[in-house]
Amino acid sequence: MTIINQSSTALIVVDVQNDFITGSLAVANAKSIIAPINELAKHFEQVIITQDYHPHGHISFASTHQQEVLTQIDVDYGKQMLWANHCVQGEFGANLDDALDVMHAKLIIRKGCRQAVDSYSAFIEADGLPTGLDGYLRQLGIDTVYVVGIATDYCVAWTAIDAAKLGYDCMVVLDATVAIDHHDSLANAMMAMKQAGVSFVNCGQLLD
């Protein structure tokens, strides 16, 4: 496996949760990335998992605003996409998929926990508040991160872009992610990641 330095490298597994796989915001083919993620994770000492973890009536829910799903509204921190209710705290949809096998993961970052603020990124919430992940990784001496999970064009992309902006060498493992791809969101996200300095690899390049 072409991981140069295990002691300074981490895998970030983004939002492999029931609602994004078979639930209210199911992404096509999401189930298919779990086995590659499980195999990749075996080769990383440091694995971090993220979870969307929203309260009832969250700002990202279309139902909160009596609006249509996949419309945008203006909020204090900018544009907010509205989604079907998803990953509600304490409910089945918020749970990690049972097939995800990363028992050695040492940290779970729960994001979007505040009712009036969303968070796609594992590093920085939409209003600019850090999640604490950056400090955690720096304490461990991590300088390189690989990002996998759901969805390529939203939470994976925002996490990767913030990682690059924060100075990490960041790679997205494309065949261990899946995209929503609504109105060119995947193409736009790929361009934004490239511009931020994110690199792209596939599992075959990492696993011998």
C-alpha atoms as a PDB file:
ATOM      1  CA  MET A   1       0.000   0.000   0.000  1.00  0.00           C
ATOM      2  CA  THR A   2       1.377   3.384  -0.986  1.00  0.00           C
ATOM      3  CA  ILE A   3       0.799   5.130   2.342  1.00  0.00           C
ATOM      4  CA  ILE A   4       4.202   6.746   2.854  1.00  0.00           C
ATOM      5  CA  ASN A   5       4.105   7.326   6.592  1.00  0.00           C
ATOM      6  CA  GLN A   6       1.479   5.638   8.733  1.00  0.00           C
ATOM      7  CA  SER A   7       2.362   7.752  11.755  1.00  0.00           C
ATOM      8  CA  SER A   8       1.425  10.977   9.955  1.00  0.00           C
ATOM      9  CA  THR A   9      -1.535   9.771   7.870  1.00  0.00           C
ATOM     10  CA  ALA A  10      -5.247   9.493   8.714  1.00  0.00           C
ATOM     11  CA  LEU A  11      -8.394   8.216   7.022  1.00  0.00           C
ATOM     12  CA  ILE A  12     -11.561  10.305   7.384  1.00  0.00           C
ATOM     13  CA  VAL A  13     -14.750   8.288   6.814  1.00  0.00           C
ATOM     14  CA  VAL A  14     -17.582  10.710   6.077  1.00  0.00           C
ATOM     15  CA  ASP A  15     -21.244  10.099   6.943  1.00  0.00           C
ATOM     16  CA  VAL A  16     -21.684   6.381   6.155  1.00  0.00           C
ATOM     17  CA  GLN A  17     -25.116   6.546   7.789  1.00  0.00           C
ATOM     18  CA  ASN A  18     -28.402   4.749   7.248  1.00  0.00           C
ATOM     19  CA  ASP A  19     -30.293   7.748   5.886  1.00  0.00           C
ATOM     20  CA  PHE A  20     -27.687   8.244   3.155  1.00  0.00           C
ATOM     21  CA  ILE A  21     -27.679   4.566   2.179  1.00  0.00           C
ATOM     22  CA  THR A  22     -31.263   3.290   2.376  1.00  0.00           C
ATOM     23  CA  GLY A  23     -33.133   6.088   4.160  1.00  0.00           C
ATOM     24  CA  SER A  24     -34.597   9.509   3.503  1.00  0.00           C
ATOM     25  CA  LEU A  25     -31.568  10.824   1.582  1.00  0.00           C
ATOM     26  CA  ALA A  26     -30.344   7.580   0.037  1.00  0.00           C
ATOM     27  CA  VAL A  27     -27.573   8.128  -2.523  1.00  0.00           C
ATOM     28  CA  ALA A  28     -27.427   5.751  -5.482  1.00  0.00           C
ATOM     29  CA  ASN A  29     -24.897   2.926  -5.043  1.00  0.00           C
ATOM     30  CA  ALA A  30     -23.932   4.098  -1.553  1.00  0.00           C
ATOM     31  CA  LYS A  31     -23.912   0.552  -0.198  1.00  0.00           C
ATOM     32  CA  SER A  32     -21.208  -0.405  -2.691  1.00  0.00           C
ATOM     33  CA  ILE A  33     -18.535   1.808  -1.112  1.00  0.00           C
ATOM     34  CA  ILE A  34     -18.680   0.218   2.338  1.00  0.00           C
ATOM     35  CA  ALA A  35     -16.524  -2.823   1.481  1.00  0.00           C
ATOM     36  CA  PRO A  36     -13.760  -0.673  -0.071  1.00  0.00           C
ATOM     37  CA  ILE A  37     -13.836   1.626   2.945  1.00  0.00           C
ATOM     38  CA  ASN A  38     -13.556  -1.328   5.309  1.00  0.00           C
ATOM     39  CA  GLU A  39     -10.558  -2.663   3.375  1.00  0.00           C
ATOM     40  CA  LEU A  40      -8.838   0.733   3.257  1.00  0.00           C
ATOM     41  CA  ALA A  41      -9.394   1.294   6.961  1.00  0.00           C
ATOM     42  CA  LYS A  42      -7.408  -1.841   7.812  1.00  0.00           C
ATOM     43  CA  HIS A  43      -4.284  -0.064   6.585  1.00  0.00           C
ATOM     44  CA  PHE A  44      -4.665   3.074   8.689  1.00  0.00           C
ATOM     45  CA  GLU A  45      -3.773   3.367  12.344  1.00  0.00           C
ATOM     46  CA  GLN A  46      -5.710   6.635  12.601  1.00  0.00           C
ATOM     47  CA  VAL A  47      -9.326   6.513  11.424  1.00  0.00           C
ATOM     48  CA  ILE A  48     -11.859   9.272  12.080  1.00  0.00           C
ATOM     49  CA  ILE A  49     -15.580   8.859  11.446  1.00  0.00           C
ATOM     50  CA  THR A  50     -18.045  11.691  10.893  1.00  0.00           C
ATOM     51  CA  GLN A  51     -21.801  11.722  11.431  1.00  0.00           C
ATOM     52  CA  ASP A  52     -24.460  14.217  10.505  1.00  0.00           C
ATOM     53  CA  TYR A  53     -26.352  14.498  13.802  1.00  0.00           C
ATOM     54  CA  HIS A  54     -29.220  16.953  13.553  1.00  0.00           C
ATOM     55  CA  PRO A  55     -31.848  17.968  16.104  1.00  0.00           C
ATOM     56  CA  HIS A  56     -35.521  17.991  15.141  1.00  0.00           C
ATOM     57  CA  GLY A  57     -36.385  21.122  13.179  1.00  0.00           C
ATOM     58  CA  HIS A  58     -32.836  21.582  11.924  1.00  0.00           C
ATOM     59  CA  ILE A  59     -32.122  24.532   9.640  1.00  0.00           C
ATOM     60  CA  SER A  60     -31.205  22.193   6.766  1.00  0.00           C
ATOM     61  CA  PHE A  61     -34.619  20.479   6.729  1.00  0.00           C
ATOM     62  CA  ALA A  62     -37.045  21.643   4.044  1.00  0.00           C
ATOM     63  CA  SER A  63     -39.893  20.857   6.429  1.00  0.00           C
ATOM     64  CA  THR A  64     -38.551  23.413   8.921  1.00  0.00           C
ATOM     65  CA  HIS A  65     -39.144  26.195   6.380  1.00  0.00           C
ATOM     66  CA  GLN A  66     -42.160  24.670   4.590  1.00  0.00           C
ATOM     67  CA  GLN A  67     -40.115  24.675   1.397  1.00  0.00           C
ATOM     68  CA  GLU A  68     -39.425  22.116  -1.309  1.00  0.00           C
ATOM     69  CA  VAL A  69     -36.507  19.717  -0.970  1.00  0.00           C
ATOM     70  CA  LEU A  70     -33.385  20.757  -2.936  1.00  0.00           C
ATOM     71  CA  THR A  71     -34.176  24.447  -2.872  1.00  0.00           C
ATOM     72  CA  GLN A  72     -31.839  27.055  -1.383  1.00  0.00           C
ATOM     73  CA  ILE A  73     -32.554  29.775   1.133  1.00  0.00           C
ATOM     74  CA  ASP A  74     -30.483  32.625   2.547  1.00  0.00           C
ATOM     75  CA  VAL A  75     -29.428  32.260   6.181  1.00  0.00           C
ATOM     76  CA  ASP A  76     -27.040  34.178   8.434  1.00  0.00           C
ATOM     77  CA  TYR A  77     -23.974  32.295   7.182  1.00  0.00           C
ATOM     78  CA  GLY A  78     -24.881  32.281   3.469  1.00  0.00           C
ATOM     79  CA  LYS A  79     -26.799  29.914   1.207  1.00  0.00           C
ATOM     80  CA  GLN A  80     -28.398  26.837   2.724  1.00  0.00           C
ATOM     81  CA  MET A  81     -29.568  23.860   0.676  1.00  0.00           C
ATOM     82  CA  LEU A  82     -32.741  22.296   2.045  1.00  0.00           C
ATOM     83  CA  TRP A  83     -32.967  18.530   2.365  1.00  0.00           C
ATOM     84  CA  ALA A  84     -35.468  15.927   3.465  1.00  0.00           C
ATOM     85  CA  ASN A  85     -35.343  15.324   7.215  1.00  0.00           C
ATOM     86  CA  HIS A  86     -32.279  13.179   7.820  1.00  0.00           C
ATOM     87  CA  CYS A  87     -29.843  11.913  10.451  1.00  0.00           C
ATOM     88  CA  VAL A  88     -32.012  13.055  13.345  1.00  0.00           C
ATOM     89  CA  GLN A  89     -30.335  12.652  16.726  1.00  0.00           C
ATOM     90  CA  GLY A  90     -31.173   9.318  18.346  1.00  0.00           C
ATOM     91  CA  GLU A  91     -33.023   7.925  15.336  1.00  0.00           C
ATOM     92  CA  PHE A  92     -32.105   4.932  13.180  1.00  0.00           C
ATOM     93  CA  GLY A  93     -31.263   7.065  10.157  1.00  0.00           C
ATOM     94  CA  ALA A  94     -28.455   8.791  12.040  1.00  0.00           C
ATOM     95  CA  ASN A  95     -26.734   5.504  12.904  1.00  0.00           C
ATOM     96  CA  LEU A  96     -23.688   4.290  11.040  1.00  0.00           C
ATOM     97  CA  ASP A  97     -24.469   1.464   8.630  1.00  0.00           C
ATOM     98  CA  ASP A  98     -24.060  -1.921  10.331  1.00  0.00           C
ATOM     99  CA  ALA A  99     -21.755  -3.101   7.537  1.00  0.00           C
ATOM    100  CA  LEU A 100     -19.185  -0.411   8.293  1.00  0.00           C
ATOM    101  CA  ASP A 101     -16.335  -2.249  10.018  1.00  0.00           C
ATOM    102  CA  VAL A 102     -13.905   0.279  11.475  1.00  0.00           C
ATOM    103  CA  MET A 103     -13.904  -0.705  15.119  1.00  0.00           C
ATOM    104  CA  HIS A 104     -10.393   0.710  15.583  1.00  0.00           C
ATOM    105  CA  ALA A 105     -11.558   4.261  14.786  1.00  0.00           C
ATOM    106  CA  LYS A 106     -10.613   6.472  17.711  1.00  0.00           C
ATOM    107  CA  LEU A 107     -12.805   9.521  17.092  1.00  0.00           C
ATOM    108  CA  ILE A 108     -16.323  10.279  15.870  1.00  0.00           C
ATOM    109  CA  ILE A 109     -17.024  13.867  14.845  1.00  0.00           C
ATOM    110  CA  ARG A 110     -20.725  14.706  15.034  1.00  0.00           C
ATOM    111  CA  LYS A 111     -21.597  17.735  12.946  1.00  0.00           C
ATOM    112  CA  GLY A 112     -24.673  19.865  12.362  1.00  0.00           C
ATOM    113  CA  CYS A 113     -25.679  19.356  15.989  1.00  0.00           C
ATOM    114  CA  ARG A 114     -26.781  22.962  16.503  1.00  0.00           C
ATOM    115  CA  GLN A 115     -30.301  23.664  15.322  1.00  0.00           C
ATOM    116  CA  ALA A 116     -29.518  26.925  13.490  1.00  0.00           C
ATOM    117  CA  VAL A 117     -26.235  25.883  11.822  1.00  0.00           C
ATOM    118  CA  ASP A 118     -25.473  23.193   9.247  1.00  0.00           C
ATOM    119  CA  SER A 119     -22.087  21.580   8.680  1.00  0.00           C
ATOM    120  CA  TYR A 120     -20.927  19.644   5.641  1.00  0.00           C
ATOM    121  CA  SER A 121     -17.260  19.808   6.623  1.00  0.00           C
ATOM    122  CA  ALA A 122     -15.705  17.653   9.318  1.00  0.00           C
ATOM    123  CA  PHE A 123     -13.367  20.534  10.162  1.00  0.00           C
ATOM    124  CA  ILE A 124     -15.425  23.741  10.214  1.00  0.00           C
ATOM    125  CA  GLU A 125     -19.160  24.260  10.609  1.00  0.00           C
ATOM    126  CA  ALA A 126     -21.044  26.541   8.229  1.00  0.00           C
ATOM    127  CA  ASP A 127     -20.760  29.563  10.537  1.00  0.00           C
ATOM    128  CA  GLY A 128     -16.991  29.142  10.895  1.00  0.00           C
ATOM    129  CA  LEU A 129     -16.891  27.344  14.252  1.00  0.00           C
ATOM    130  CA  PRO A 130     -14.169  24.648  14.298  1.00  0.00           C
ATOM    131  CA  THR A 131     -15.281  21.125  15.134  1.00  0.00           C
ATOM    132  CA  GLY A 132     -11.998  20.313  16.907  1.00  0.00           C
ATOM    133  CA  LEU A 133     -10.808  17.836  14.289  1.00  0.00           C
ATOM    134  CA  ASP A 134      -7.910  20.020  13.162  1.00  0.00           C
ATOM    135  CA  GLY A 135      -6.523  20.292  16.681  1.00  0.00           C
ATOM    136  CA  TYR A 136      -6.933  16.556  17.236  1.00  0.00           C
ATOM    137  CA  LEU A 137      -4.998  15.668  14.082  1.00  0.00           C
ATOM    138  CA  ARG A 138      -2.225  18.159  14.801  1.00  0.00           C
ATOM    139  CA  GLN A 139      -1.739  16.724  18.281  1.00  0.00           C
ATOM    140  CA  LEU A 140      -1.176  13.350  16.617  1.00  0.00           C
ATOM    141  CA  GLY A 141       1.298  14.771  14.103  1.00  0.00           C
ATOM    142  CA  ILE A 142      -0.969  14.043  11.141  1.00  0.00           C
ATOM    143  CA  ASP A 143      -0.095  15.921   7.959  1.00  0.00           C
ATOM    144  CA  THR A 144      -1.842  13.774   5.316  1.00  0.00           C
ATOM    145  CA  VAL A 145      -5.514  12.793   5.137  1.00  0.00           C
ATOM    146  CA  TYR A 146      -7.473  10.505   2.845  1.00  0.00           C
ATOM    147  CA  VAL A 147     -11.213  11.193   2.623  1.00  0.00           C
ATOM    148  CA  VAL A 148     -13.919   8.646   1.745  1.00  0.00           C
ATOM    149  CA  GLY A 149     -17.671   8.392   2.227  1.00  0.00           C
ATOM    150  CA  ILE A 150     -20.893  10.221   1.374  1.00  0.00           C
ATOM    151  CA  ALA A 151     -21.407  12.398  -0.578  1.00  0.00           C
ATOM    152  CA  THR A 152     -18.559  13.256  -2.938  1.00  0.00           C
ATOM    153  CA  ASP A 153     -20.116  16.582  -3.916  1.00  0.00           C
ATOM    154  CA  TYR A 154     -21.143  17.741  -0.451  1.00  0.00           C
ATOM    155  CA  CYS A 155     -19.695  16.542   2.852  1.00  0.00           C
ATOM    156  CA  VAL A 156     -16.702  14.748   1.311  1.00  0.00           C
ATOM    157  CA  ALA A 157     -15.817  17.762  -0.841  1.00  0.00           C
ATOM    158  CA  TRP A 158     -16.219  20.323   1.944  1.00  0.00           C
ATOM    159  CA  THR A 159     -14.150  18.191   4.298  1.00  0.00           C
ATOM    160  CA  ALA A 160     -11.402  17.760   1.693  1.00  0.00           C
ATOM    161  CA  ILE A 161     -11.354  21.452   0.761  1.00  0.00           C
ATOM    162  CA  ASP A 162     -11.076  22.525   4.393  1.00  0.00           C
ATOM    163  CA  ALA A 163      -8.335  19.949   4.990  1.00  0.00           C
ATOM    164  CA  ALA A 164      -6.332  21.402   2.095  1.00  0.00           C
ATOM    165  CA  LYS A 165      -6.946  24.974   3.249  1.00  0.00           C
ATOM    166  CA  LEU A 166      -5.722  24.021   6.717  1.00  0.00           C
ATOM    167  CA  GLY A 167      -2.459  22.773   5.231  1.00  0.00           C
ATOM    168  CA  TYR A 168      -2.996  19.013   5.065  1.00  0.00           C
ATOM    169  CA  ASP A 169      -1.943  16.971   2.068  1.00  0.00           C
ATOM    170  CA  CYS A 170      -5.432  15.759   1.157  1.00  0.00           C
ATOM    171  CA  MET A 171      -6.558  12.986  -1.175  1.00  0.00           C
ATOM    172  CA  VAL A 172     -10.119  11.890  -1.968  1.00  0.00           C
ATOM    173  CA  VAL A 173     -10.445   8.181  -2.779  1.00  0.00           C
ATOM    174  CA  LEU A 174     -12.978   8.496  -5.579  1.00  0.00           C
ATOM    175  CA  ASP A 175     -14.147   4.887  -5.792  1.00  0.00           C
ATOM    176  CA  ALA A 176     -14.780   4.906  -2.035  1.00  0.00           C
ATOM    177  CA  THR A 177     -17.196   7.835  -2.375  1.00  0.00           C
ATOM    178  CA  VAL A 178     -20.579   8.362  -4.041  1.00  0.00           C
ATOM    179  CA  ALA A 179     -22.173  11.584  -5.261  1.00  0.00           C
ATOM    180  CA  ILE A 180     -25.663  13.076  -5.257  1.00  0.00           C
ATOM    181  CA  ASP A 181     -24.879  15.051  -8.438  1.00  0.00           C
ATOM    182  CA  HIS A 182     -27.813  17.476  -8.463  1.00  0.00           C
ATOM    183  CA  HIS A 183     -27.596  20.276 -11.040  1.00  0.00           C
ATOM    184  CA  ASP A 184     -23.883  19.734 -11.794  1.00  0.00           C
ATOM    185  CA  SER A 185     -22.981  19.605  -8.106  1.00  0.00           C
ATOM    186  CA  LEU A 186     -20.384  16.872  -8.703  1.00  0.00           C
ATOM    187  CA  ALA A 187     -18.572  18.737 -11.487  1.00  0.00           C
ATOM    188  CA  ASN A 188     -18.617  21.918  -9.416  1.00  0.00           C
ATOM    189  CA  ALA A 189     -17.306  20.104  -6.352  1.00  0.00           C
ATOM    190  CA  MET A 190     -14.527  18.413  -8.333  1.00  0.00           C
ATOM    191  CA  MET A 191     -13.432  21.785  -9.704  1.00  0.00           C
ATOM    192  CA  ALA A 192     -13.507  23.383  -6.247  1.00  0.00           C
ATOM    193  CA  MET A 193     -11.461  20.532  -4.781  1.00  0.00           C
ATOM    194  CA  LYS A 194      -8.865  20.764  -7.543  1.00  0.00           C
ATOM    195  CA  GLN A 195      -8.592  24.514  -7.061  1.00  0.00           C
ATOM    196  CA  ALA A 196      -8.056  23.981  -3.329  1.00  0.00           C
ATOM    197  CA  GLY A 197      -5.188  21.564  -4.008  1.00  0.00           C
ATOM    198  CA  VAL A 198      -6.995  18.286  -3.257  1.00  0.00           C
ATOM    199  CA  SER A 199      -5.666  15.213  -5.100  1.00  0.00           C
ATOM    200  CA  PHE A 200      -7.628  12.188  -6.264  1.00  0.00           C
ATOM    201  CA  VAL A 201      -6.795   8.501  -6.105  1.00  0.00           C
ATOM    202  CA  ASN A 202      -8.579   5.160  -6.431  1.00  0.00           C
ATOM    203  CA  CYS A 203      -8.459   2.157  -4.137  1.00  0.00           C
ATOM    204  CA  GLY A 204      -6.405   0.224  -6.672  1.00  0.00           C
ATOM    205  CA  GLN A 205      -3.618   2.766  -6.374  1.00  0.00           C
ATOM    206  CA  LEU A 206      -3.511   2.291  -2.614  1.00  0.00           C
ATOM    207  CA  LEU A 207      -4.087  -1.415  -2.151  1.00  0.00           C
ATOM    208  CA  ASP A 208      -1.598  -3.868  -3.645  1.00  0.00           C
END
